[in-house]
Amino acid sequence: MKPFETLMALASEYRPDAEPGPGFDTRLQARIRELREASGDLGTSFSALFTQWLWRTSWGLTPVVAILVLFFALSYGLNLPEGAGSLVYHLANLLPVDGF
């Protein structure tokens, strides 16, 4: 039996005398995550690695995006730069209109 299945079997057999303490579900989820990482079920797939990287990168790039938005807002104001109108017009045709 895998460690995760063992943990779930033990958890289903456990009958507590009282209500679980605060943070029980958080500790259980952390323990399940540790068991999955130890067994290699989590963290080895490309999608798991990519989503972790994307989340960390998005937080790191937030100040850069904020500075770029501020720069373009100060340099162009609320108007679009010349020639961007046609781009917006062509992209607007790609928006879905069903259901509106």
N, C-alpha and C. Protein backbone atom coordinates (compact mmCIF):
# COMPACT_ATOMS: atom_id res chain seq x y z
N MET A 1 0.84 -1.17 0.00
CA MET A 1 0.00 0.00 0.00
C MET A 1 0.89 1.24 0.00
N LYS A 2 0.49 2.27 -0.75
CA LYS A 2 1.24 3.51 -0.82
C LYS A 2 1.08 4.29 0.48
N PRO A 3 2.02 5.19 0.78
CA PRO A 3 1.93 5.98 2.02
C PRO A 3 0.65 6.81 2.10
N PHE A 4 0.20 7.36 0.98
CA PHE A 4 -1.02 8.15 0.99
C PHE A 4 -2.22 7.28 1.34
N GLU A 5 -2.28 6.11 0.73
CA GLU A 5 -3.39 5.20 1.01
C GLU A 5 -3.35 4.72 2.46
N THR A 6 -2.15 4.49 2.97
CA THR A 6 -2.00 4.09 4.37
C THR A 6 -2.51 5.19 5.30
N LEU A 7 -2.14 6.43 5.00
CA LEU A 7 -2.58 7.55 5.82
C LEU A 7 -4.10 7.69 5.77
N MET A 8 -4.69 7.55 4.60
CA MET A 8 -6.14 7.67 4.49
C MET A 8 -6.85 6.52 5.22
N ALA A 9 -6.27 5.31 5.16
CA ALA A 9 -6.87 4.18 5.87
C ALA A 9 -6.81 4.41 7.38
N LEU A 10 -5.67 4.90 7.86
CA LEU A 10 -5.55 5.20 9.29
C LEU A 10 -6.48 6.33 9.70
N ALA A 11 -6.63 7.33 8.86
CA ALA A 11 -7.51 8.45 9.17
C ALA A 11 -8.97 8.01 9.21
N SER A 12 -9.36 7.08 8.33
CA SER A 12 -10.76 6.64 8.33
C SER A 12 -11.06 5.73 9.52
N GLU A 13 -10.06 5.04 10.05
CA GLU A 13 -10.27 4.17 11.22
C GLU A 13 -10.21 4.94 12.53
N TYR A 14 -9.65 6.13 12.53
CA TYR A 14 -9.46 6.89 13.76
C TYR A 14 -10.78 7.48 14.23
N ARG A 15 -11.12 7.26 15.46
CA ARG A 15 -12.33 7.82 16.08
C ARG A 15 -11.90 8.71 17.24
N PRO A 16 -11.93 10.02 17.05
CA PRO A 16 -11.48 10.92 18.13
C PRO A 16 -12.49 10.98 19.26
N ASP A 17 -12.00 11.27 20.46
CA ASP A 17 -12.87 11.41 21.63
C ASP A 17 -13.60 12.76 21.62
N ALA A 18 -12.94 13.75 21.05
CA ALA A 18 -13.51 15.10 21.03
C ALA A 18 -13.31 15.70 19.65
N GLU A 19 -13.71 16.93 19.52
CA GLU A 19 -13.52 17.65 18.26
C GLU A 19 -12.04 17.84 18.00
N PRO A 20 -11.63 17.78 16.74
CA PRO A 20 -10.21 18.01 16.43
C PRO A 20 -9.81 19.43 16.77
N GLY A 21 -8.54 19.60 17.11
CA GLY A 21 -8.02 20.90 17.48
C GLY A 21 -7.96 21.84 16.29
N PRO A 22 -7.72 23.10 16.56
CA PRO A 22 -7.64 24.07 15.46
C PRO A 22 -6.47 23.76 14.54
N GLY A 23 -6.71 23.90 13.25
CA GLY A 23 -5.66 23.66 12.28
C GLY A 23 -5.46 22.20 11.92
N PHE A 24 -6.39 21.32 12.30
CA PHE A 24 -6.24 19.90 12.01
C PHE A 24 -6.21 19.64 10.52
N ASP A 25 -7.14 20.27 9.78
CA ASP A 25 -7.20 20.02 8.34
C ASP A 25 -5.96 20.57 7.63
N THR A 26 -5.42 21.67 8.12
CA THR A 26 -4.20 22.23 7.52
C THR A 26 -3.02 21.30 7.74
N ARG A 27 -2.91 20.78 8.96
CA ARG A 27 -1.82 19.85 9.26
C ARG A 27 -1.96 18.56 8.46
N LEU A 28 -3.20 18.08 8.30
CA LEU A 28 -3.43 16.86 7.52
C LEU A 28 -3.06 17.08 6.05
N GLN A 29 -3.45 18.21 5.48
CA GLN A 29 -3.11 18.50 4.09
C GLN A 29 -1.60 18.64 3.91
N ALA A 30 -0.94 19.25 4.88
CA ALA A 30 0.52 19.38 4.79
C ALA A 30 1.19 18.02 4.86
N ARG A 31 0.68 17.15 5.71
CA ARG A 31 1.26 15.81 5.82
C ARG A 31 1.02 15.01 4.54
N ILE A 32 -0.15 15.14 3.94
CA ILE A 32 -0.44 14.46 2.68
C ILE A 32 0.49 14.97 1.59
N ARG A 33 0.71 16.29 1.55
CA ARG A 33 1.63 16.87 0.57
C ARG A 33 3.04 16.34 0.76
N GLU A 34 3.49 16.24 2.02
CA GLU A 34 4.83 15.70 2.29
C GLU A 34 4.94 14.25 1.82
N LEU A 35 3.90 13.45 2.06
CA LEU A 35 3.94 12.06 1.62
C LEU A 35 3.95 11.94 0.10
N ARG A 36 3.19 12.80 -0.57
CA ARG A 36 3.19 12.78 -2.03
C ARG A 36 4.54 13.19 -2.59
N GLU A 37 5.15 14.22 -2.01
CA GLU A 37 6.45 14.66 -2.48
C GLU A 37 7.51 13.60 -2.22
N ALA A 38 7.41 12.93 -1.09
CA ALA A 38 8.38 11.88 -0.77
C ALA A 38 8.25 10.69 -1.70
N SER A 39 7.01 10.39 -2.11
CA SER A 39 6.82 9.24 -2.99
C SER A 39 7.02 9.60 -4.46
N GLY A 40 7.12 10.89 -4.76
CA GLY A 40 7.36 11.31 -6.13
C GLY A 40 6.10 11.50 -6.93
N ASP A 41 4.92 11.47 -6.29
CA ASP A 41 3.66 11.65 -7.02
C ASP A 41 3.44 13.10 -7.41
N LEU A 42 3.95 14.03 -6.61
CA LEU A 42 3.71 15.44 -6.85
C LEU A 42 5.03 16.15 -7.11
N GLY A 43 5.04 17.07 -7.99
CA GLY A 43 6.23 17.86 -8.22
C GLY A 43 7.11 17.36 -9.35
N THR A 44 6.83 16.19 -9.89
CA THR A 44 7.66 15.69 -10.98
C THR A 44 7.02 15.94 -12.33
N SER A 45 5.73 16.19 -12.35
CA SER A 45 5.08 16.41 -13.64
C SER A 45 5.37 17.82 -14.13
N PHE A 46 5.33 17.97 -15.44
CA PHE A 46 5.61 19.26 -16.04
C PHE A 46 4.58 20.31 -15.63
N SER A 47 3.31 19.91 -15.59
CA SER A 47 2.27 20.88 -15.25
C SER A 47 2.42 21.40 -13.82
N ALA A 48 2.78 20.53 -12.88
CA ALA A 48 2.97 20.98 -11.51
C ALA A 48 4.15 21.93 -11.40
N LEU A 49 5.24 21.60 -12.07
CA LEU A 49 6.41 22.48 -12.05
C LEU A 49 6.11 23.80 -12.73
N PHE A 50 5.39 23.75 -13.86
CA PHE A 50 5.08 24.97 -14.59
C PHE A 50 4.17 25.89 -13.79
N THR A 51 3.15 25.34 -13.13
CA THR A 51 2.25 26.18 -12.35
C THR A 51 2.96 26.79 -11.15
N GLN A 52 3.84 26.04 -10.51
CA GLN A 52 4.61 26.60 -9.40
C GLN A 52 5.51 27.73 -9.89
N TRP A 53 6.17 27.53 -11.03
CA TRP A 53 7.03 28.56 -11.59
C TRP A 53 6.22 29.79 -11.99
N LEU A 54 5.07 29.57 -12.62
CA LEU A 54 4.23 30.67 -13.07
C LEU A 54 3.73 31.50 -11.90
N TRP A 55 3.35 30.85 -10.80
CA TRP A 55 2.85 31.56 -9.63
C TRP A 55 3.96 32.42 -9.02
N ARG A 56 5.15 31.83 -8.87
CA ARG A 56 6.27 32.59 -8.30
C ARG A 56 6.67 33.74 -9.22
N THR A 57 6.69 33.51 -10.51
CA THR A 57 7.08 34.53 -11.47
C THR A 57 6.06 35.66 -11.52
N SER A 58 4.78 35.33 -11.44
CA SER A 58 3.76 36.38 -11.52
C SER A 58 3.89 37.34 -10.35
N TRP A 59 4.18 36.84 -9.16
CA TRP A 59 4.37 37.74 -8.02
C TRP A 59 5.65 38.55 -8.17
N GLY A 60 6.67 37.97 -8.75
CA GLY A 60 7.93 38.69 -8.92
C GLY A 60 7.85 39.77 -9.98
N LEU A 61 6.99 39.58 -10.98
CA LEU A 61 6.88 40.55 -12.06
C LEU A 61 5.83 41.63 -11.80
N THR A 62 5.12 41.55 -10.70
CA THR A 62 4.09 42.54 -10.40
C THR A 62 4.65 43.96 -10.35
N PRO A 63 5.78 44.22 -9.67
CA PRO A 63 6.31 45.60 -9.68
C PRO A 63 6.73 46.06 -11.07
N VAL A 64 7.25 45.16 -11.88
CA VAL A 64 7.67 45.52 -13.24
C VAL A 64 6.45 45.93 -14.07
N VAL A 65 5.38 45.18 -13.99
CA VAL A 65 4.16 45.49 -14.73
C VAL A 65 3.57 46.81 -14.23
N ALA A 66 3.60 47.03 -12.92
CA ALA A 66 3.07 48.28 -12.37
C ALA A 66 3.87 49.48 -12.88
N ILE A 67 5.18 49.36 -12.95
CA ILE A 67 6.02 50.44 -13.46
C ILE A 67 5.74 50.69 -14.95
N LEU A 68 5.58 49.61 -15.73
CA LEU A 68 5.26 49.78 -17.16
C LEU A 68 3.91 50.45 -17.36
N VAL A 69 2.92 50.06 -16.58
CA VAL A 69 1.60 50.68 -16.68
C VAL A 69 1.68 52.16 -16.33
N LEU A 70 2.41 52.48 -15.29
CA LEU A 70 2.57 53.87 -14.90
C LEU A 70 3.29 54.67 -16.00
N PHE A 71 4.33 54.09 -16.58
CA PHE A 71 5.07 54.77 -17.65
C PHE A 71 4.17 55.05 -18.85
N PHE A 72 3.44 54.03 -19.30
CA PHE A 72 2.58 54.23 -20.46
C PHE A 72 1.41 55.17 -20.15
N ALA A 73 0.91 55.13 -18.93
CA ALA A 73 -0.17 56.05 -18.56
C ALA A 73 0.32 57.49 -18.55
N LEU A 74 1.56 57.71 -18.08
CA LEU A 74 2.10 59.07 -18.06
C LEU A 74 2.49 59.54 -19.46
N SER A 75 3.00 58.66 -20.28
CA SER A 75 3.46 59.10 -21.60
C SER A 75 2.31 59.24 -22.60
N TYR A 76 1.29 58.40 -22.54
CA TYR A 76 0.20 58.47 -23.51
C TYR A 76 -1.09 59.02 -22.91
N GLY A 77 -1.16 59.09 -21.63
CA GLY A 77 -2.41 59.51 -21.00
C GLY A 77 -3.45 58.42 -21.15
N LEU A 78 -4.67 58.82 -21.32
CA LEU A 78 -5.74 57.84 -21.49
C LEU A 78 -6.02 57.54 -22.95
N ASN A 79 -5.30 58.20 -23.85
CA ASN A 79 -5.48 57.96 -25.28
C ASN A 79 -4.58 56.82 -25.74
N LEU A 80 -5.01 56.13 -26.75
CA LEU A 80 -4.19 55.08 -27.34
C LEU A 80 -3.14 55.70 -28.25
N PRO A 81 -1.97 55.08 -28.37
CA PRO A 81 -0.98 55.61 -29.29
C PRO A 81 -1.48 55.54 -30.73
N GLU A 82 -0.89 56.37 -31.59
CA GLU A 82 -1.33 56.41 -32.98
C GLU A 82 -1.08 55.07 -33.66
N GLY A 83 -2.05 54.56 -34.36
CA GLY A 83 -1.94 53.28 -35.03
C GLY A 83 -2.47 52.12 -34.20
N ALA A 84 -2.68 52.33 -32.91
CA ALA A 84 -3.19 51.25 -32.07
C ALA A 84 -4.69 51.08 -32.24
N GLY A 85 -5.35 52.09 -32.75
CA GLY A 85 -6.79 52.01 -32.94
C GLY A 85 -7.19 50.91 -33.89
N SER A 86 -6.42 50.76 -34.98
CA SER A 86 -6.75 49.70 -35.92
C SER A 86 -6.50 48.32 -35.31
N LEU A 87 -5.47 48.21 -34.48
CA LEU A 87 -5.20 46.94 -33.80
C LEU A 87 -6.34 46.58 -32.86
N VAL A 88 -6.81 47.57 -32.10
CA VAL A 88 -7.93 47.33 -31.19
C VAL A 88 -9.18 46.97 -31.98
N TYR A 89 -9.39 47.62 -33.11
CA TYR A 89 -10.55 47.32 -33.95
C TYR A 89 -10.52 45.88 -34.44
N HIS A 90 -9.37 45.42 -34.89
CA HIS A 90 -9.25 44.05 -35.39
C HIS A 90 -9.36 43.03 -34.27
N LEU A 91 -8.82 43.35 -33.10
CA LEU A 91 -8.92 42.40 -31.99
C LEU A 91 -10.33 42.37 -31.42
N ALA A 92 -11.05 43.46 -31.51
CA ALA A 92 -12.43 43.49 -31.00
C ALA A 92 -13.32 42.54 -31.77
N ASN A 93 -13.00 42.31 -33.04
CA ASN A 93 -13.81 41.37 -33.83
C ASN A 93 -13.64 39.93 -33.38
N LEU A 94 -12.57 39.64 -32.64
CA LEU A 94 -12.33 38.28 -32.17
C LEU A 94 -13.06 37.96 -30.85
N LEU A 95 -13.61 38.98 -30.20
CA LEU A 95 -14.31 38.76 -28.94
C LEU A 95 -15.59 37.98 -29.16
N PRO A 96 -15.90 37.03 -28.28
CA PRO A 96 -17.17 36.30 -28.44
C PRO A 96 -18.35 37.20 -28.10
N VAL A 97 -19.37 37.14 -28.91
CA VAL A 97 -20.55 37.98 -28.69
C VAL A 97 -21.79 37.13 -28.41
N ASP A 98 -21.67 35.83 -28.41
CA ASP A 98 -22.82 34.97 -28.14
C ASP A 98 -23.23 35.13 -26.69
N GLY A 99 -24.48 35.32 -26.44
CA GLY A 99 -24.99 35.42 -25.09
C GLY A 99 -25.04 36.84 -24.56
N PHE A 100 -24.68 37.83 -25.39
CA PHE A 100 -24.73 39.21 -24.92
C PHE A 100 -25.88 39.92 -25.55
